[in-house]
Amino acid sequence: LIDRLVFELPEEMGLIAVAVRQTQGKGRGGNVWLSPMGCALSTLHITIPLHSNLGQRIPFIQHLVSLAVVESVRSLPGYEDIDLRVKWPNDIYYSDLMKLGGVLVNSTLIETTFHILIGFGFNVNNSNPTICINDLITKFNKEEGTKLKPLTADCLIARTVTVLERLIDIFQEKGPNGVLPRYYKYWVHSGKQVRLHHEEGPMAWIVGIDDYGFLQVHEEGKGVESVHPDGNSFDMLRNLIVPK
């Protein structure tokens, strides 16, 4: 639907498609993304000038979207300690235990403008098959004696888009350093050790993200290297960075 519309709309007009459920969604690497009711599901179209801070670092967009999803919840008064986090390169997690959602970004460069289609989905209100944001809120209320209200998918989609607009503005003005402190505040990887390529592969320490959104790892005896998000996945269960 959006593919047909993006090039016919005035440049200043925003466009978003929101789904109640998905039966033929797309995941990374050709995977199918199935989403039941109770999830926040949308595809957003934005344009980014090629000759801008973000236009020169397009892989960063997936990180900004993941951060926007987390901040859509954790920037609400009272909800700051809900344990929602970002996982490199494009997943939303409960602590470092369970995946709650993900982000998929497709970009097309036409002349000097990137047309970006951002698909994001995260589980707001469906307790199966894993856990949802409102389960985390219920758990927090029981543990802390608070009375935080459950959140709705439409509210969180709107908040995500609003936060993303602000993050893009900050990035365009200040570059990666304008947003990375906020990203690191919520990511699951600080100081973690991983193995590269396979379970008997070399051990490395996660350092951070470089200026282009690639993961930096420090392999013993080799110094710091960057790992490209398009060619690698992070397997949290096995603590591996593996080629896709």
C-alpha atoms as a PDB file:
ATOM      1  CA  LEU A   1       0.000   0.000   0.000  1.00  0.00           C
ATOM      2  CA  ILE A   2       2.652   2.494   1.056  1.00  0.00           C
ATOM      3  CA  ASP A   3       4.996   1.502  -1.794  1.00  0.00           C
ATOM      4  CA  ARG A   4       2.437   2.827  -4.244  1.00  0.00           C
ATOM      5  CA  LEU A   5       1.855   6.096  -2.388  1.00  0.00           C
ATOM      6  CA  VAL A   6       5.239   7.341  -1.204  1.00  0.00           C
ATOM      7  CA  PHE A   7       6.378   8.907  -4.462  1.00  0.00           C
ATOM      8  CA  GLU A   8       3.038  10.592  -5.206  1.00  0.00           C
ATOM      9  CA  LEU A   9       2.639  12.516  -1.951  1.00  0.00           C
ATOM     10  CA  PRO A  10       3.933  16.039  -1.285  1.00  0.00           C
ATOM     11  CA  GLU A  11       7.375  15.857   0.287  1.00  0.00           C
ATOM     12  CA  GLU A  12       6.266  17.495   3.539  1.00  0.00           C
ATOM     13  CA  MET A  13       3.416  15.011   4.119  1.00  0.00           C
ATOM     14  CA  GLY A  14       3.954  12.146   6.529  1.00  0.00           C
ATOM     15  CA  LEU A  15       2.551   8.677   5.952  1.00  0.00           C
ATOM     16  CA  ILE A  16       1.974   5.744   8.300  1.00  0.00           C
ATOM     17  CA  ALA A  17       0.075   2.473   7.934  1.00  0.00           C
ATOM     18  CA  VAL A  18      -1.181   0.787  11.107  1.00  0.00           C
ATOM     19  CA  ALA A  19      -2.265  -2.872  11.254  1.00  0.00           C
ATOM     20  CA  VAL A  20      -4.338  -4.578  13.953  1.00  0.00           C
ATOM     21  CA  ARG A  21      -2.713  -7.920  13.128  1.00  0.00           C
ATOM     22  CA  GLN A  22      -0.335  -9.248  10.471  1.00  0.00           C
ATOM     23  CA  THR A  23      -0.348 -12.577   8.655  1.00  0.00           C
ATOM     24  CA  GLN A  24       2.290 -11.798   6.006  1.00  0.00           C
ATOM     25  CA  GLY A  25       4.664  -9.348   7.680  1.00  0.00           C
ATOM     26  CA  LYS A  26       8.346  -9.266   6.733  1.00  0.00           C
ATOM     27  CA  GLY A  27      11.244  -9.990   9.052  1.00  0.00           C
ATOM     28  CA  ARG A  28      15.010  -9.766   8.609  1.00  0.00           C
ATOM     29  CA  GLY A  29      16.654 -11.919   5.966  1.00  0.00           C
ATOM     30  CA  GLY A  30      13.381 -12.957   4.320  1.00  0.00           C
ATOM     31  CA  ASN A  31      11.825 -14.268   7.532  1.00  0.00           C
ATOM     32  CA  VAL A  32       8.041 -14.072   7.915  1.00  0.00           C
ATOM     33  CA  TRP A  33       6.734 -11.894  10.755  1.00  0.00           C
ATOM     34  CA  LEU A  34       3.411 -13.095  12.211  1.00  0.00           C
ATOM     35  CA  SER A  35       1.680 -10.764  14.666  1.00  0.00           C
ATOM     36  CA  PRO A  36      -1.556 -11.489  16.539  1.00  0.00           C
ATOM     37  CA  MET A  37      -3.965  -8.879  17.858  1.00  0.00           C
ATOM     38  CA  GLY A  38      -2.663  -6.992  20.886  1.00  0.00           C
ATOM     39  CA  CYS A  39       0.525  -5.790  19.184  1.00  0.00           C
ATOM     40  CA  ALA A  40       1.529  -2.310  18.012  1.00  0.00           C
ATOM     41  CA  LEU A  41       2.202  -2.752  14.291  1.00  0.00           C
ATOM     42  CA  SER A  42       2.983  -0.056  11.773  1.00  0.00           C
ATOM     43  CA  THR A  43       5.008   1.023   8.776  1.00  0.00           C
ATOM     44  CA  LEU A  44       6.200   4.627   8.691  1.00  0.00           C
ATOM     45  CA  HIS A  45       7.526   6.538   5.673  1.00  0.00           C
ATOM     46  CA  ILE A  46      10.113   9.282   6.219  1.00  0.00           C
ATOM     47  CA  THR A  47      12.574  11.115   3.974  1.00  0.00           C
ATOM     48  CA  ILE A  48      16.195  11.858   4.900  1.00  0.00           C
ATOM     49  CA  PRO A  49      18.503  14.100   2.823  1.00  0.00           C
ATOM     50  CA  LEU A  50      21.580  12.217   1.631  1.00  0.00           C
ATOM     51  CA  HIS A  51      23.861  15.124   2.556  1.00  0.00           C
ATOM     52  CA  SER A  52      22.922  15.227   6.241  1.00  0.00           C
ATOM     53  CA  ASN A  53      24.299  13.645   9.412  1.00  0.00           C
ATOM     54  CA  LEU A  54      21.781  10.818   9.286  1.00  0.00           C
ATOM     55  CA  GLY A  55      21.865  10.543   5.488  1.00  0.00           C
ATOM     56  CA  GLN A  56      25.579   9.710   5.762  1.00  0.00           C
ATOM     57  CA  ARG A  57      24.893   7.116   8.482  1.00  0.00           C
ATOM     58  CA  ILE A  58      21.673   5.424   7.348  1.00  0.00           C
ATOM     59  CA  PRO A  59      22.241   2.178   9.377  1.00  0.00           C
ATOM     60  CA  PHE A  60      21.633   4.293  12.501  1.00  0.00           C
ATOM     61  CA  ILE A  61      17.924   4.601  11.698  1.00  0.00           C
ATOM     62  CA  GLN A  62      17.121   1.121  13.005  1.00  0.00           C
ATOM     63  CA  HIS A  63      18.809   2.028  16.304  1.00  0.00           C
ATOM     64  CA  LEU A  64      16.864   5.292  16.577  1.00  0.00           C
ATOM     65  CA  VAL A  65      13.578   3.450  16.000  1.00  0.00           C
ATOM     66  CA  SER A  66      14.385   0.770  18.603  1.00  0.00           C
ATOM     67  CA  LEU A  67      15.283   3.510  21.067  1.00  0.00           C
ATOM     68  CA  ALA A  68      12.065   5.399  20.248  1.00  0.00           C
ATOM     69  CA  VAL A  69       9.975   2.304  21.020  1.00  0.00           C
ATOM     70  CA  VAL A  70      11.654   1.875  24.421  1.00  0.00           C
ATOM     71  CA  GLU A  71      11.411   5.581  25.230  1.00  0.00           C
ATOM     72  CA  SER A  72       7.724   5.620  24.219  1.00  0.00           C
ATOM     73  CA  VAL A  73       7.180   3.642  27.445  1.00  0.00           C
ATOM     74  CA  ARG A  74      10.081   4.637  29.676  1.00  0.00           C
ATOM     75  CA  SER A  75       9.716   8.401  29.150  1.00  0.00           C
ATOM     76  CA  LEU A  76       6.208   8.276  30.664  1.00  0.00           C
ATOM     77  CA  PRO A  77       6.073   9.541  34.283  1.00  0.00           C
ATOM     78  CA  GLY A  78       6.053   6.513  36.578  1.00  0.00           C
ATOM     79  CA  TYR A  79       7.082   4.061  33.842  1.00  0.00           C
ATOM     80  CA  GLU A  80      10.805   4.910  33.826  1.00  0.00           C
ATOM     81  CA  ASP A  81      11.819   1.611  35.496  1.00  0.00           C
ATOM     82  CA  ILE A  82       9.805  -0.762  33.319  1.00  0.00           C
ATOM     83  CA  ASP A  83      12.601  -3.081  32.137  1.00  0.00           C
ATOM     84  CA  LEU A  84      12.214  -2.579  28.392  1.00  0.00           C
ATOM     85  CA  ARG A  85      15.513  -2.493  26.469  1.00  0.00           C
ATOM     86  CA  VAL A  86      17.131  -2.360  23.036  1.00  0.00           C
ATOM     87  CA  LYS A  87      19.178  -5.200  21.548  1.00  0.00           C
ATOM     88  CA  TRP A  88      21.558  -4.579  18.639  1.00  0.00           C
ATOM     89  CA  PRO A  89      20.773  -4.187  15.862  1.00  0.00           C
ATOM     90  CA  ASN A  90      16.978  -3.889  15.865  1.00  0.00           C
ATOM     91  CA  ASP A  91      15.121  -5.779  18.610  1.00  0.00           C
ATOM     92  CA  ILE A  92      13.089  -4.737  21.652  1.00  0.00           C
ATOM     93  CA  TYR A  93      13.668  -6.886  24.736  1.00  0.00           C
ATOM     94  CA  TYR A  94      12.385  -7.475  28.267  1.00  0.00           C
ATOM     95  CA  SER A  95      15.669  -7.152  30.190  1.00  0.00           C
ATOM     96  CA  ASP A  96      18.025  -9.522  28.320  1.00  0.00           C
ATOM     97  CA  LEU A  97      15.557 -12.383  28.598  1.00  0.00           C
ATOM     98  CA  MET A  98      12.801 -12.179  25.988  1.00  0.00           C
ATOM     99  CA  LYS A  99      12.104 -10.476  22.689  1.00  0.00           C
ATOM    100  CA  LEU A 100       9.058  -8.193  22.655  1.00  0.00           C
ATOM    101  CA  GLY A 101       9.368  -6.701  19.200  1.00  0.00           C
ATOM    102  CA  GLY A 102      11.541  -5.687  16.300  1.00  0.00           C
ATOM    103  CA  VAL A 103      12.310  -3.136  13.620  1.00  0.00           C
ATOM    104  CA  LEU A 104      12.891  -3.554   9.880  1.00  0.00           C
ATOM    105  CA  VAL A 105      14.123  -0.630   7.748  1.00  0.00           C
ATOM    106  CA  ASN A 106      14.142  -0.454   3.938  1.00  0.00           C
ATOM    107  CA  SER A 107      15.686   2.516   2.150  1.00  0.00           C
ATOM    108  CA  THR A 108      15.620   3.748  -1.444  1.00  0.00           C
ATOM    109  CA  LEU A 109      17.874   6.570  -2.639  1.00  0.00           C
ATOM    110  CA  ILE A 110      16.301   8.796  -5.283  1.00  0.00           C
ATOM    111  CA  GLU A 111      18.592  11.618  -6.434  1.00  0.00           C
ATOM    112  CA  THR A 112      19.690  13.141  -3.103  1.00  0.00           C
ATOM    113  CA  THR A 113      16.871  11.900  -0.870  1.00  0.00           C
ATOM    114  CA  PHE A 114      16.524   8.634   1.033  1.00  0.00           C
ATOM    115  CA  HIS A 115      12.958   7.326   1.145  1.00  0.00           C
ATOM    116  CA  ILE A 116      12.818   5.190   4.271  1.00  0.00           C
ATOM    117  CA  LEU A 117      10.129   2.641   5.111  1.00  0.00           C
ATOM    118  CA  ILE A 118      10.280   1.726   8.791  1.00  0.00           C
ATOM    119  CA  GLY A 119       8.342  -1.321   9.921  1.00  0.00           C
ATOM    120  CA  PHE A 120       8.078  -1.811  13.658  1.00  0.00           C
ATOM    121  CA  GLY A 121       6.042  -4.180  15.796  1.00  0.00           C
ATOM    122  CA  PHE A 122       6.002  -4.814  19.515  1.00  0.00           C
ATOM    123  CA  ASN A 123       3.808  -6.804  21.867  1.00  0.00           C
ATOM    124  CA  VAL A 124       1.676  -4.510  24.023  1.00  0.00           C
ATOM    125  CA  ASN A 125      -1.215  -6.616  25.278  1.00  0.00           C
ATOM    126  CA  ASN A 126      -0.789 -10.272  24.318  1.00  0.00           C
ATOM    127  CA  SER A 127       0.613 -12.577  27.005  1.00  0.00           C
ATOM    128  CA  ASN A 128       1.341 -15.420  24.578  1.00  0.00           C
ATOM    129  CA  PRO A 129       3.629 -16.873  23.370  1.00  0.00           C
ATOM    130  CA  THR A 130       6.166 -14.920  25.478  1.00  0.00           C
ATOM    131  CA  ILE A 131       5.426 -11.702  27.373  1.00  0.00           C
ATOM    132  CA  CYS A 132       4.057  -8.245  26.611  1.00  0.00           C
ATOM    133  CA  ILE A 133       4.566  -4.688  27.816  1.00  0.00           C
ATOM    134  CA  ASN A 134       1.399  -4.726  29.942  1.00  0.00           C
ATOM    135  CA  ASP A 135       2.629  -7.941  31.631  1.00  0.00           C
ATOM    136  CA  LEU A 136       5.781  -6.036  32.582  1.00  0.00           C
ATOM    137  CA  ILE A 137       3.648  -3.210  33.987  1.00  0.00           C
ATOM    138  CA  THR A 138       1.524  -5.684  36.017  1.00  0.00           C
ATOM    139  CA  LYS A 139       4.706  -7.339  37.326  1.00  0.00           C
ATOM    140  CA  PHE A 140       6.158  -3.937  38.265  1.00  0.00           C
ATOM    141  CA  ASN A 141       2.951  -2.924  40.080  1.00  0.00           C
ATOM    142  CA  LYS A 142       3.032  -6.133  42.167  1.00  0.00           C
ATOM    143  CA  GLU A 143       6.706  -5.762  43.058  1.00  0.00           C
ATOM    144  CA  GLU A 144       6.691  -2.013  43.747  1.00  0.00           C
ATOM    145  CA  GLY A 145       3.145  -1.499  45.059  1.00  0.00           C
ATOM    146  CA  THR A 146       2.372   0.992  42.280  1.00  0.00           C
ATOM    147  CA  LYS A 147      -0.835   1.388  40.267  1.00  0.00           C
ATOM    148  CA  LEU A 148       0.447   2.110  36.769  1.00  0.00           C
ATOM    149  CA  LYS A 149      -2.240   1.738  34.123  1.00  0.00           C
ATOM    150  CA  PRO A 150      -1.909  -0.621  31.152  1.00  0.00           C
ATOM    151  CA  LEU A 151      -0.928   1.018  27.864  1.00  0.00           C
ATOM    152  CA  THR A 152      -2.596   0.790  24.463  1.00  0.00           C
ATOM    153  CA  ALA A 153      -1.058   0.021  21.064  1.00  0.00           C
ATOM    154  CA  ASP A 154      -2.360   3.222  19.445  1.00  0.00           C
ATOM    155  CA  CYS A 155      -0.936   5.395  22.236  1.00  0.00           C
ATOM    156  CA  LEU A 156       2.494   3.725  21.960  1.00  0.00           C
ATOM    157  CA  ILE A 157       2.616   3.945  18.153  1.00  0.00           C
ATOM    158  CA  ALA A 158       1.860   7.680  18.398  1.00  0.00           C
ATOM    159  CA  ARG A 159       4.459   8.161  21.145  1.00  0.00           C
ATOM    160  CA  THR A 160       7.071   6.136  19.209  1.00  0.00           C
ATOM    161  CA  VAL A 161       6.668   8.305  16.109  1.00  0.00           C
ATOM    162  CA  THR A 162       6.839  11.496  18.187  1.00  0.00           C
ATOM    163  CA  VAL A 163       9.986  10.363  20.022  1.00  0.00           C
ATOM    164  CA  LEU A 164      11.552   9.234  16.727  1.00  0.00           C
ATOM    165  CA  GLU A 165      11.022  12.682  15.197  1.00  0.00           C
ATOM    166  CA  ARG A 166      12.857  14.251  18.144  1.00  0.00           C
ATOM    167  CA  LEU A 167      15.694  11.705  17.958  1.00  0.00           C
ATOM    168  CA  ILE A 168      16.146  12.356  14.223  1.00  0.00           C
ATOM    169  CA  ASP A 169      16.258  16.113  14.857  1.00  0.00           C
ATOM    170  CA  ILE A 170      18.907  15.622  17.573  1.00  0.00           C
ATOM    171  CA  PHE A 171      20.949  13.303  15.348  1.00  0.00           C
ATOM    172  CA  GLN A 172      20.815  15.736  12.420  1.00  0.00           C
ATOM    173  CA  GLU A 173      22.043  18.527  14.666  1.00  0.00           C
ATOM    174  CA  LYS A 174      24.641  16.717  16.814  1.00  0.00           C
ATOM    175  CA  GLY A 175      25.425  13.429  15.059  1.00  0.00           C
ATOM    176  CA  PRO A 176      25.786  10.051  16.819  1.00  0.00           C
ATOM    177  CA  ASN A 177      27.039  11.557  20.076  1.00  0.00           C
ATOM    178  CA  GLY A 178      23.724  13.373  20.473  1.00  0.00           C
ATOM    179  CA  VAL A 179      21.797  10.111  20.860  1.00  0.00           C
ATOM    180  CA  LEU A 180      24.269   7.395  21.904  1.00  0.00           C
ATOM    181  CA  PRO A 181      24.171   8.183  25.655  1.00  0.00           C
ATOM    182  CA  ARG A 182      20.388   7.614  25.582  1.00  0.00           C
ATOM    183  CA  TYR A 183      20.829   4.439  23.523  1.00  0.00           C
ATOM    184  CA  TYR A 184      23.429   2.981  25.892  1.00  0.00           C
ATOM    185  CA  LYS A 185      21.168   3.750  28.857  1.00  0.00           C
ATOM    186  CA  TYR A 186      18.693   1.185  27.566  1.00  0.00           C
ATOM    187  CA  TRP A 187      20.742  -1.387  25.666  1.00  0.00           C
ATOM    188  CA  VAL A 188      21.361  -4.928  26.955  1.00  0.00           C
ATOM    189  CA  HIS A 189      25.002  -5.365  25.904  1.00  0.00           C
ATOM    190  CA  SER A 190      27.147  -3.234  28.223  1.00  0.00           C
ATOM    191  CA  GLY A 191      30.348  -5.071  29.149  1.00  0.00           C
ATOM    192  CA  LYS A 192      29.081  -8.397  27.779  1.00  0.00           C
ATOM    193  CA  GLN A 193      31.394 -11.110  26.497  1.00  0.00           C
ATOM    194  CA  VAL A 194      30.438 -12.920  23.292  1.00  0.00           C
ATOM    195  CA  ARG A 195      31.827 -15.487  20.901  1.00  0.00           C
ATOM    196  CA  LEU A 196      32.198 -14.621  17.235  1.00  0.00           C
ATOM    197  CA  HIS A 197      31.045 -16.736  14.272  1.00  0.00           C
ATOM    198  CA  HIS A 198      30.372 -20.040  16.121  1.00  0.00           C
ATOM    199  CA  GLU A 199      30.348 -21.594  19.613  1.00  0.00           C
ATOM    200  CA  GLU A 200      34.061 -22.378  19.495  1.00  0.00           C
ATOM    201  CA  GLY A 201      34.894 -19.003  17.915  1.00  0.00           C
ATOM    202  CA  PRO A 202      37.098 -16.305  19.417  1.00  0.00           C
ATOM    203  CA  MET A 203      35.958 -14.497  22.549  1.00  0.00           C
ATOM    204  CA  ALA A 204      35.265 -10.770  22.301  1.00  0.00           C
ATOM    205  CA  TRP A 205      33.944  -7.961  24.477  1.00  0.00           C
ATOM    206  CA  ILE A 206      31.227  -5.616  23.271  1.00  0.00           C
ATOM    207  CA  VAL A 207      32.531  -2.040  23.291  1.00  0.00           C
ATOM    208  CA  GLY A 208      29.696   0.031  21.793  1.00  0.00           C
ATOM    209  CA  ILE A 209      28.480   1.348  18.448  1.00  0.00           C
ATOM    210  CA  ASP A 210      30.674   3.190  15.978  1.00  0.00           C
ATOM    211  CA  ASP A 211      29.815   6.362  14.044  1.00  0.00           C
ATOM    212  CA  TYR A 212      27.966   4.345  11.379  1.00  0.00           C
ATOM    213  CA  GLY A 213      25.818   2.200  13.680  1.00  0.00           C
ATOM    214  CA  PHE A 214      28.013  -0.914  13.451  1.00  0.00           C
ATOM    215  CA  LEU A 215      28.690  -2.922  16.615  1.00  0.00           C
ATOM    216  CA  GLN A 216      32.217  -2.569  17.979  1.00  0.00           C
ATOM    217  CA  VAL A 217      33.777  -5.649  19.545  1.00  0.00           C
ATOM    218  CA  HIS A 218      37.207  -6.038  21.117  1.00  0.00           C
ATOM    219  CA  GLU A 219      38.814  -9.354  20.284  1.00  0.00           C
ATOM    220  CA  GLU A 220      41.806 -10.280  22.398  1.00  0.00           C
ATOM    221  CA  GLY A 221      45.039  -9.560  20.588  1.00  0.00           C
ATOM    222  CA  LYS A 222      43.284  -7.936  17.617  1.00  0.00           C
ATOM    223  CA  GLY A 223      41.923  -4.641  18.941  1.00  0.00           C
ATOM    224  CA  VAL A 224      38.514  -3.192  18.186  1.00  0.00           C
ATOM    225  CA  GLU A 225      36.586  -4.306  15.083  1.00  0.00           C
ATOM    226  CA  SER A 226      33.206  -3.232  13.689  1.00  0.00           C
ATOM    227  CA  VAL A 227      30.485  -5.800  12.949  1.00  0.00           C
ATOM    228  CA  HIS A 228      28.037  -4.885  10.162  1.00  0.00           C
ATOM    229  CA  PRO A 229      24.338  -5.247  11.157  1.00  0.00           C
ATOM    230  CA  ASP A 230      23.214  -6.386   7.691  1.00  0.00           C
ATOM    231  CA  GLY A 231      25.532  -9.390   7.673  1.00  0.00           C
ATOM    232  CA  ASN A 232      25.290 -10.568  11.278  1.00  0.00           C
ATOM    233  CA  SER A 233      22.771 -11.501  13.940  1.00  0.00           C
ATOM    234  CA  PHE A 234      23.090 -11.490  17.717  1.00  0.00           C
ATOM    235  CA  ASP A 235      21.962 -14.824  19.198  1.00  0.00           C
ATOM    236  CA  MET A 236      21.143 -13.910  22.817  1.00  0.00           C
ATOM    237  CA  LEU A 237      20.383 -17.511  23.858  1.00  0.00           C
ATOM    238  CA  ARG A 238      23.839 -18.735  22.830  1.00  0.00           C
ATOM    239  CA  ASN A 239      25.623 -15.410  23.385  1.00  0.00           C
ATOM    240  CA  LEU A 240      26.934 -15.480  19.809  1.00  0.00           C
ATOM    241  CA  ILE A 241      27.426 -12.995  17.000  1.00  0.00           C
ATOM    242  CA  VAL A 242      26.893 -15.117  13.901  1.00  0.00           C
ATOM    243  CA  PRO A 243      26.774 -14.431  10.150  1.00  0.00           C
ATOM    244  CA  LYS A 244      23.196 -14.481   8.842  1.00  0.00           C
END
